[in-house]
């Protein structure tokens, strides 16, 4: 296996607004598929969009950020999410 660095940008392919999530996740939130410019399609959470069906836009340019994913026993768990790309 070879190391490959991803750019962290792509286009929104599809999404769902989650109304009831696992313990520690603040609802509602948006889960989505983002097709990276480097090739792979990934499943991720979105930030910076309204968690409603008319919030995110299919085909919208997205960029990766590091943000809080959930809270566990009062501790913020961080990871990668995507948000609309700042142009």
PDB file of N, CA and C in Angstrom:
ATOM      1  N   UNK A   1       0.837  -1.164   0.000  1.00  0.00           N
ATOM      2  CA  UNK A   1       0.000   0.000   0.000  1.00  0.00           C
ATOM      3  C   UNK A   1       0.892   1.240   0.000  1.00  0.00           C
ATOM      4  N   UNK A   2       0.547   2.218  -0.807  1.00  0.00           N
ATOM      5  CA  UNK A   2       1.306   3.455  -0.879  1.00  0.00           C
ATOM      6  C   UNK A   2       0.570   4.582  -0.176  1.00  0.00           C
ATOM      7  N   UNK A   3       1.339   5.494   0.402  1.00  0.00           N
ATOM      8  CA  UNK A   3       0.790   6.685   1.036  1.00  0.00           C
ATOM      9  C   UNK A   3       0.260   7.621  -0.047  1.00  0.00           C
ATOM     10  N   UNK A   4      -0.930   8.179   0.181  1.00  0.00           N
ATOM     11  CA  UNK A   4      -1.530   9.095  -0.787  1.00  0.00           C
ATOM     12  C   UNK A   4      -2.205  10.218  -0.017  1.00  0.00           C
ATOM     13  N   UNK A   5      -1.797  11.451  -0.258  1.00  0.00           N
ATOM     14  CA  UNK A   5      -2.367  12.601   0.430  1.00  0.00           C
ATOM     15  C   UNK A   5      -3.561  13.131  -0.358  1.00  0.00           C
ATOM     16  N   UNK A   6      -4.698  13.245   0.300  1.00  0.00           N
ATOM     17  CA  UNK A   6      -5.903  13.776  -0.334  1.00  0.00           C
ATOM     18  C   UNK A   6      -5.968  15.285  -0.134  1.00  0.00           C
ATOM     19  N   UNK A   7      -6.507  15.980  -1.111  1.00  0.00           N
ATOM     20  CA  UNK A   7      -6.578  17.445  -1.074  1.00  0.00           C
ATOM     21  C   UNK A   7      -7.591  17.937  -0.040  1.00  0.00           C
ATOM     22  N   UNK A   8      -8.691  17.206   0.158  1.00  0.00           N
ATOM     23  CA  UNK A   8      -9.696  17.618   1.137  1.00  0.00           C
ATOM     24  C   UNK A   8     -10.765  18.540   0.567  1.00  0.00           C
ATOM     25  N   UNK A   9     -10.964  18.469  -0.742  1.00  0.00           N
ATOM     26  CA  UNK A   9     -12.032  19.244  -1.398  1.00  0.00           C
ATOM     27  C   UNK A   9     -12.816  18.312  -2.312  1.00  0.00           C
ATOM     28  N   UNK A  10     -14.085  18.650  -2.537  1.00  0.00           N
ATOM     29  CA  UNK A  10     -14.903  17.836  -3.422  1.00  0.00           C
ATOM     30  C   UNK A  10     -16.269  18.455  -3.642  1.00  0.00           C
ATOM     31  N   UNK A  11     -17.179  17.635  -4.160  1.00  0.00           N
ATOM     32  CA  UNK A  11     -18.550  18.073  -4.456  1.00  0.00           C
ATOM     33  C   UNK A  11     -19.527  17.217  -3.662  1.00  0.00           C
ATOM     34  N   UNK A  12     -20.575  17.856  -3.168  1.00  0.00           N
ATOM     35  CA  UNK A  12     -21.630  17.151  -2.443  1.00  0.00           C
ATOM     36  C   UNK A  12     -22.430  16.297  -3.416  1.00  0.00           C
ATOM     37  N   UNK A  13     -22.502  14.990  -3.134  1.00  0.00           N
ATOM     38  CA  UNK A  13     -23.207  14.049  -4.004  1.00  0.00           C
ATOM     39  C   UNK A  13     -24.615  13.774  -3.488  1.00  0.00           C
ATOM     40  N   UNK A  14     -24.750  13.550  -2.187  1.00  0.00           N
ATOM     41  CA  UNK A  14     -26.043  13.239  -1.590  1.00  0.00           C
ATOM     42  C   UNK A  14     -25.947  13.475  -0.087  1.00  0.00           C
ATOM     43  N   UNK A  15     -27.092  13.624   0.567  1.00  0.00           N
ATOM     44  CA  UNK A  15     -27.082  13.857   2.014  1.00  0.00           C
ATOM     45  C   UNK A  15     -28.399  13.430   2.635  1.00  0.00           C
ATOM     46  N   UNK A  16     -28.392  13.324   3.962  1.00  0.00           N
ATOM     47  CA  UNK A  16     -29.599  13.047   4.737  1.00  0.00           C
ATOM     48  C   UNK A  16     -29.529  13.875   6.015  1.00  0.00           C
ATOM     49  N   UNK A  17     -30.665  14.392   6.435  1.00  0.00           N
ATOM     50  CA  UNK A  17     -30.757  15.116   7.703  1.00  0.00           C
ATOM     51  C   UNK A  17     -31.130  14.096   8.781  1.00  0.00           C
ATOM     52  N   UNK A  18     -30.288  13.978   9.784  1.00  0.00           N
ATOM     53  CA  UNK A  18     -30.492  13.008  10.866  1.00  0.00           C
ATOM     54  C   UNK A  18     -31.246  13.697  11.996  1.00  0.00           C
ATOM     55  N   UNK A  19     -32.414  13.166  12.304  1.00  0.00           N
ATOM     56  CA  UNK A  19     -33.257  13.739  13.363  1.00  0.00           C
ATOM     57  C   UNK A  19     -33.056  13.051  14.711  1.00  0.00           C
ATOM     58  N   UNK A  20     -32.670  11.779  14.685  1.00  0.00           N
ATOM     59  CA  UNK A  20     -32.409  11.020  15.917  1.00  0.00           C
ATOM     60  C   UNK A  20     -31.090  10.298  15.732  1.00  0.00           C
ATOM     61  N   UNK A  21     -30.114  10.625  16.565  1.00  0.00           N
ATOM     62  CA  UNK A  21     -28.795  10.021  16.424  1.00  0.00           C
ATOM     63  C   UNK A  21     -28.366   9.294  17.676  1.00  0.00           C
ATOM     64  N   UNK A  22     -27.207   8.683  17.605  1.00  0.00           N
ATOM     65  CA  UNK A  22     -26.672   7.980  18.772  1.00  0.00           C
ATOM     66  C   UNK A  22     -26.371   8.933  19.918  1.00  0.00           C
ATOM     67  N   UNK A  23     -26.206   8.380  21.082  1.00  0.00           N
ATOM     68  CA  UNK A  23     -25.855   9.154  22.263  1.00  0.00           C
ATOM     69  C   UNK A  23     -24.596   9.976  22.007  1.00  0.00           C
ATOM     70  N   UNK A  24     -24.632  11.249  22.412  1.00  0.00           N
ATOM     71  CA  UNK A  24     -23.481  12.132  22.264  1.00  0.00           C
ATOM     72  C   UNK A  24     -23.517  13.004  21.023  1.00  0.00           C
ATOM     73  N   UNK A  25     -24.393  12.682  20.073  1.00  0.00           N
ATOM     74  CA  UNK A  25     -24.517  13.474  18.844  1.00  0.00           C
ATOM     75  C   UNK A  25     -25.636  14.487  19.001  1.00  0.00           C
ATOM     76  N   UNK A  26     -25.336  15.748  18.704  1.00  0.00           N
ATOM     77  CA  UNK A  26     -26.332  16.814  18.787  1.00  0.00           C
ATOM     78  C   UNK A  26     -27.179  16.778  17.511  1.00  0.00           C
ATOM     79  N   UNK A  27     -28.478  16.545  17.663  1.00  0.00           N
ATOM     80  CA  UNK A  27     -29.379  16.472  16.506  1.00  0.00           C
ATOM     81  C   UNK A  27     -30.166  17.768  16.376  1.00  0.00           C
ATOM     82  N   UNK A  28     -30.615  18.110  15.188  1.00  0.00           N
ATOM     83  CA  UNK A  28     -30.371  17.415  13.928  1.00  0.00           C
ATOM     84  C   UNK A  28     -28.976  17.722  13.389  1.00  0.00           C
ATOM     85  N   UNK A  29     -28.459  16.815  12.547  1.00  0.00           N
ATOM     86  CA  UNK A  29     -27.190  17.038  11.859  1.00  0.00           C
ATOM     87  C   UNK A  29     -27.293  16.441  10.464  1.00  0.00           C
ATOM     88  N   UNK A  30     -26.297  16.715   9.631  1.00  0.00           N
ATOM     89  CA  UNK A  30     -26.335  16.275   8.242  1.00  0.00           C
ATOM     90  C   UNK A  30     -25.193  15.296   7.980  1.00  0.00           C
ATOM     91  N   UNK A  31     -25.541  14.122   7.443  1.00  0.00           N
ATOM     92  CA  UNK A  31     -24.564  13.153   6.962  1.00  0.00           C
ATOM     93  C   UNK A  31     -24.609  13.197   5.442  1.00  0.00           C
ATOM     94  N   UNK A  32     -23.462  12.987   4.796  1.00  0.00           N
ATOM     95  CA  UNK A  32     -23.424  13.175   3.344  1.00  0.00           C
ATOM     96  C   UNK A  32     -22.353  12.324   2.684  1.00  0.00           C
ATOM     97  N   UNK A  33     -22.497  12.190   1.369  1.00  0.00           N
ATOM     98  CA  UNK A  33     -21.446  11.644   0.515  1.00  0.00           C
ATOM     99  C   UNK A  33     -20.815  12.810  -0.228  1.00  0.00           C
ATOM    100  N   UNK A  34     -19.491  12.895  -0.153  1.00  0.00           N
ATOM    101  CA  UNK A  34     -18.735  13.920  -0.877  1.00  0.00           C
ATOM    102  C   UNK A  34     -17.769  13.200  -1.807  1.00  0.00           C
ATOM    103  N   UNK A  35     -17.808  13.550  -3.089  1.00  0.00           N
ATOM    104  CA  UNK A  35     -16.889  12.999  -4.097  1.00  0.00           C
ATOM    105  C   UNK A  35     -15.679  13.906  -4.137  1.00  0.00           C
ATOM    106  N   UNK A  36     -14.543  13.393  -3.671  1.00  0.00           N
ATOM    107  CA  UNK A  36     -13.326  14.192  -3.615  1.00  0.00           C
ATOM    108  C   UNK A  36     -12.748  14.427  -5.004  1.00  0.00           C
ATOM    109  N   UNK A  37     -12.071  15.550  -5.185  1.00  0.00           N
ATOM    110  CA  UNK A  37     -11.424  15.845  -6.464  1.00  0.00           C
ATOM    111  C   UNK A  37     -10.331  14.816  -6.758  1.00  0.00           C
ATOM    112  N   UNK A  38      -9.826  14.146  -5.710  1.00  0.00           N
ATOM    113  CA  UNK A  38      -8.794  13.123  -5.862  1.00  0.00           C
ATOM    114  C   UNK A  38      -9.355  11.781  -6.308  1.00  0.00           C
ATOM    115  N   UNK A  39     -10.689  11.633  -6.318  1.00  0.00           N
ATOM    116  CA  UNK A  39     -11.277  10.388  -6.790  1.00  0.00           C
ATOM    117  C   UNK A  39     -12.257   9.712  -5.862  1.00  0.00           C
ATOM    118  N   UNK A  40     -11.879   9.392  -4.593  1.00  0.00           N
ATOM    119  CA  UNK A  40     -12.807   8.622  -3.763  1.00  0.00           C
ATOM    120  C   UNK A  40     -14.050   9.398  -3.357  1.00  0.00           C
ATOM    121  N   UNK A  41     -15.110   8.653  -3.091  1.00  0.00           N
ATOM    122  CA  UNK A  41     -16.344   9.214  -2.529  1.00  0.00           C
ATOM    123  C   UNK A  41     -16.365   8.796  -1.069  1.00  0.00           C
ATOM    124  N   UNK A  42     -16.565   9.754  -0.167  1.00  0.00           N
ATOM    125  CA  UNK A  42     -16.524   9.431   1.259  1.00  0.00           C
ATOM    126  C   UNK A  42     -17.836   9.799   1.937  1.00  0.00           C
ATOM    127  N   UNK A  43     -18.109   9.098   3.030  1.00  0.00           N
ATOM    128  CA  UNK A  43     -19.272   9.354   3.873  1.00  0.00           C
ATOM    129  C   UNK A  43     -18.796  10.220   5.022  1.00  0.00           C
ATOM    130  N   UNK A  44     -19.476  11.331   5.279  1.00  0.00           N
ATOM    131  CA  UNK A  44     -18.985  12.302   6.244  1.00  0.00           C
ATOM    132  C   UNK A  44     -20.149  13.051   6.880  1.00  0.00           C
ATOM    133  N   UNK A  45     -19.850  13.847   7.863  1.00  0.00           N
ATOM    134  CA  UNK A  45     -20.819  14.784   8.427  1.00  0.00           C
ATOM    135  C   UNK A  45     -20.537  16.158   7.821  1.00  0.00           C
ATOM    136  N   UNK A  46     -21.593  16.979   7.721  1.00  0.00           N
ATOM    137  CA  UNK A  46     -21.425  18.335   7.212  1.00  0.00           C
ATOM    138  C   UNK A  46     -21.527  19.339   8.344  1.00  0.00           C
ATOM    139  N   UNK A  47     -20.845  20.439   8.171  1.00  0.00           N
ATOM    140  CA  UNK A  47     -20.884  21.567   9.092  1.00  0.00           C
ATOM    141  C   UNK A  47     -21.143  22.814   8.258  1.00  0.00           C
ATOM    142  N   UNK A  48     -21.648  23.847   8.864  1.00  0.00           N
ATOM    143  CA  UNK A  48     -21.838  25.106   8.146  1.00  0.00           C
ATOM    144  C   UNK A  48     -23.025  25.118   7.201  1.00  0.00           C
ATOM    145  N   UNK A  49     -23.946  24.153   7.363  1.00  0.00           N
ATOM    146  CA  UNK A  49     -25.182  24.126   6.571  1.00  0.00           C
ATOM    147  C   UNK A  49     -26.355  23.973   7.526  1.00  0.00           C
ATOM    148  N   UNK A  50     -27.500  24.490   7.128  1.00  0.00           N
ATOM    149  CA  UNK A  50     -28.704  24.297   7.936  1.00  0.00           C
ATOM    150  C   UNK A  50     -29.095  22.821   7.867  1.00  0.00           C
ATOM    151  N   UNK A  51     -29.389  22.186   9.004  1.00  0.00           N
ATOM    152  CA  UNK A  51     -29.773  20.774   8.984  1.00  0.00           C
ATOM    153  C   UNK A  51     -31.242  20.597   8.588  1.00  0.00           C
ATOM    154  N   UNK A  52     -31.565  21.077   7.385  1.00  0.00           N
ATOM    155  CA  UNK A  52     -32.895  20.932   6.802  1.00  0.00           C
ATOM    156  C   UNK A  52     -32.715  20.492   5.354  1.00  0.00           C
ATOM    157  N   UNK A  53     -33.750  19.899   4.773  1.00  0.00           N
ATOM    158  CA  UNK A  53     -33.642  19.354   3.408  1.00  0.00           C
ATOM    159  C   UNK A  53     -33.223  20.393   2.376  1.00  0.00           C
ATOM    160  N   UNK A  54     -33.586  21.660   2.581  1.00  0.00           N
ATOM    161  CA  UNK A  54     -33.210  22.701   1.616  1.00  0.00           C
ATOM    162  C   UNK A  54     -31.887  23.383   1.990  1.00  0.00           C
ATOM    163  N   UNK A  55     -31.188  22.880   3.015  1.00  0.00           N
ATOM    164  CA  UNK A  55     -29.930  23.480   3.463  1.00  0.00           C
ATOM    165  C   UNK A  55     -28.775  23.242   2.509  1.00  0.00           C
ATOM    166  N   UNK A  56     -28.220  22.021   2.465  1.00  0.00           N
ATOM    167  CA  UNK A  56     -27.110  21.731   1.545  1.00  0.00           C
ATOM    168  C   UNK A  56     -27.603  21.676   0.103  1.00  0.00           C
ATOM    169  N   UNK A  57     -26.719  21.909  -0.840  1.00  0.00           N
ATOM    170  CA  UNK A  57     -27.064  21.878  -2.268  1.00  0.00           C
ATOM    171  C   UNK A  57     -26.227  20.808  -2.966  1.00  0.00           C
ATOM    172  N   UNK A  58     -26.891  19.844  -3.612  1.00  0.00           N
ATOM    173  CA  UNK A  58     -26.195  18.808  -4.376  1.00  0.00           C
ATOM    174  C   UNK A  58     -25.309  19.495  -5.422  1.00  0.00           C
ATOM    175  N   UNK A  59     -24.070  19.040  -5.540  1.00  0.00           N
ATOM    176  CA  UNK A  59     -23.121  19.617  -6.483  1.00  0.00           C
ATOM    177  C   UNK A  59     -22.308  20.765  -5.907  1.00  0.00           C
ATOM    178  N   UNK A  60     -22.649  21.189  -4.696  1.00  0.00           N
ATOM    179  CA  UNK A  60     -21.950  22.295  -4.040  1.00  0.00           C
ATOM    180  C   UNK A  60     -20.502  21.897  -3.723  1.00  0.00           C
ATOM    181  N   UNK A  61     -19.573  22.825  -3.912  1.00  0.00           N
ATOM    182  CA  UNK A  61     -18.161  22.589  -3.580  1.00  0.00           C
ATOM    183  C   UNK A  61     -17.997  22.546  -2.069  1.00  0.00           C
ATOM    184  N   UNK A  62     -17.268  21.543  -1.589  1.00  0.00           N
ATOM    185  CA  UNK A  62     -17.070  21.332  -0.160  1.00  0.00           C
ATOM    186  C   UNK A  62     -15.578  21.272   0.152  1.00  0.00           C
ATOM    187  N   UNK A  63     -15.237  21.634   1.409  1.00  0.00           N
ATOM    188  CA  UNK A  63     -13.859  21.526   1.871  1.00  0.00           C
ATOM    189  C   UNK A  63     -13.839  20.866   3.240  1.00  0.00           C
ATOM    190  N   UNK A  64     -12.764  20.133   3.509  1.00  0.00           N
ATOM    191  CA  UNK A  64     -12.626  19.428   4.771  1.00  0.00           C
ATOM    192  C   UNK A  64     -12.214  20.387   5.886  1.00  0.00           C
ATOM    193  N   UNK A  65     -12.781  20.161   7.073  1.00  0.00           N
ATOM    194  CA  UNK A  65     -12.397  20.895   8.275  1.00  0.00           C
ATOM    195  C   UNK A  65     -12.262  19.895   9.424  1.00  0.00           C
ATOM    196  N   UNK A  66     -11.631  20.328  10.493  1.00  0.00           N
ATOM    197  CA  UNK A  66     -11.593  19.549  11.730  1.00  0.00           C
ATOM    198  C   UNK A  66     -12.571  20.226  12.679  1.00  0.00           C
ATOM    199  N   UNK A  67     -13.505  19.440  13.234  1.00  0.00           N
ATOM    200  CA  UNK A  67     -14.587  20.001  14.033  1.00  0.00           C
ATOM    201  C   UNK A  67     -15.026  18.953  15.065  1.00  0.00           C
ATOM    202  N   UNK A  68     -15.863  19.355  16.007  1.00  0.00           N
ATOM    203  CA  UNK A  68     -16.413  18.440  17.009  1.00  0.00           C
ATOM    204  C   UNK A  68     -17.412  17.511  16.314  1.00  0.00           C
ATOM    205  N   UNK A  69     -17.233  16.210  16.499  1.00  0.00           N
ATOM    206  CA  UNK A  69     -18.128  15.202  15.947  1.00  0.00           C
ATOM    207  C   UNK A  69     -19.233  14.877  16.953  1.00  0.00           C
ATOM    208  N   UNK A  70     -18.820  14.655  18.195  1.00  0.00           N
ATOM    209  CA  UNK A  70     -19.787  14.324  19.253  1.00  0.00           C
ATOM    210  C   UNK A  70     -19.157  14.644  20.603  1.00  0.00           C
ATOM    211  N   UNK A  71     -19.955  14.525  21.647  1.00  0.00           N
ATOM    212  CA  UNK A  71     -19.471  14.731  23.007  1.00  0.00           C
ATOM    213  C   UNK A  71     -19.658  13.423  23.771  1.00  0.00           C
ATOM    214  N   UNK A  72     -18.602  12.983  24.441  1.00  0.00           N
ATOM    215  CA  UNK A  72     -18.641  11.726  25.178  1.00  0.00           C
ATOM    216  C   UNK A  72     -18.154  11.964  26.598  1.00  0.00           C
ATOM    217  N   UNK A  73     -19.038  11.793  27.568  1.00  0.00           N
ATOM    218  CA  UNK A  73     -18.719  12.022  28.979  1.00  0.00           C
ATOM    219  C   UNK A  73     -18.148  13.423  29.220  1.00  0.00           C
ATOM    220  N   UNK A  74     -18.722  14.434  28.529  1.00  0.00           N
ATOM    221  CA  UNK A  74     -18.298  15.812  28.691  1.00  0.00           C
ATOM    222  C   UNK A  74     -17.043  16.178  27.918  1.00  0.00           C
ATOM    223  N   UNK A  75     -16.528  15.257  27.119  1.00  0.00           N
ATOM    224  CA  UNK A  75     -15.313  15.511  26.336  1.00  0.00           C
ATOM    225  C   UNK A  75     -15.685  15.586  24.860  1.00  0.00           C
ATOM    226  N   UNK A  76     -15.265  16.667  24.196  1.00  0.00           N
ATOM    227  CA  UNK A  76     -15.514  16.810  22.763  1.00  0.00           C
ATOM    228  C   UNK A  76     -14.602  15.874  21.979  1.00  0.00           C
ATOM    229  N   UNK A  77     -15.194  15.088  21.093  1.00  0.00           N
ATOM    230  CA  UNK A  77     -14.460  14.203  20.195  1.00  0.00           C
ATOM    231  C   UNK A  77     -14.400  14.908  18.844  1.00  0.00           C
ATOM    232  N   UNK A  78     -13.195  15.166  18.350  1.00  0.00           N
ATOM    233  CA  UNK A  78     -13.039  15.885  17.086  1.00  0.00           C
ATOM    234  C   UNK A  78     -12.638  14.932  15.971  1.00  0.00           C
ATOM    235  N   UNK A  79     -12.938  15.353  14.760  1.00  0.00           N
ATOM    236  CA  UNK A  79     -12.606  14.578  13.573  1.00  0.00           C
ATOM    237  C   UNK A  79     -12.860  15.432  12.348  1.00  0.00           C
ATOM    238  N   UNK A  80     -12.815  14.810  11.178  1.00  0.00           N
ATOM    239  CA  UNK A  80     -13.020  15.588   9.968  1.00  0.00           C
ATOM    240  C   UNK A  80     -14.497  15.623   9.587  1.00  0.00           C
ATOM    241  N   UNK A  81     -14.881  16.761   9.061  1.00  0.00           N
ATOM    242  CA  UNK A  81     -16.206  17.019   8.492  1.00  0.00           C
ATOM    243  C   UNK A  81     -15.972  17.808   7.215  1.00  0.00           C
ATOM    244  N   UNK A  82     -17.030  18.066   6.493  1.00  0.00           N
ATOM    245  CA  UNK A  82     -16.937  18.941   5.324  1.00  0.00           C
ATOM    246  C   UNK A  82     -17.915  20.085   5.486  1.00  0.00           C
ATOM    247  N   UNK A  83     -17.582  21.217   4.893  1.00  0.00           N
ATOM    248  CA  UNK A  83     -18.438  22.395   4.894  1.00  0.00           C
ATOM    249  C   UNK A  83     -18.382  23.029   3.503  1.00  0.00           C
ATOM    250  N   UNK A  84     -19.369  23.882   3.173  1.00  0.00           N
ATOM    251  CA  UNK A  84     -19.302  24.567   1.876  1.00  0.00           C
ATOM    252  C   UNK A  84     -17.970  25.304   1.745  1.00  0.00           C
ATOM    253  N   UNK A  85     -17.379  25.198   0.569  1.00  0.00           N
ATOM    254  CA  UNK A  85     -16.068  25.793   0.328  1.00  0.00           C
ATOM    255  C   UNK A  85     -16.166  27.308   0.325  1.00  0.00           C
ATOM    256  N   UNK A  86     -15.255  27.952   1.048  1.00  0.00           N
ATOM    257  CA  UNK A  86     -15.166  29.414   1.070  1.00  0.00           C
ATOM    258  C   UNK A  86     -14.489  29.860  -0.224  1.00  0.00           C
ATOM    259  N   UNK A  87     -15.192  30.667  -0.988  1.00  0.00           N
ATOM    260  CA  UNK A  87     -14.649  31.096  -2.280  1.00  0.00           C
ATOM    261  C   UNK A  87     -14.205  32.546  -2.207  1.00  0.00           C
TER     262      UNK A  87
END
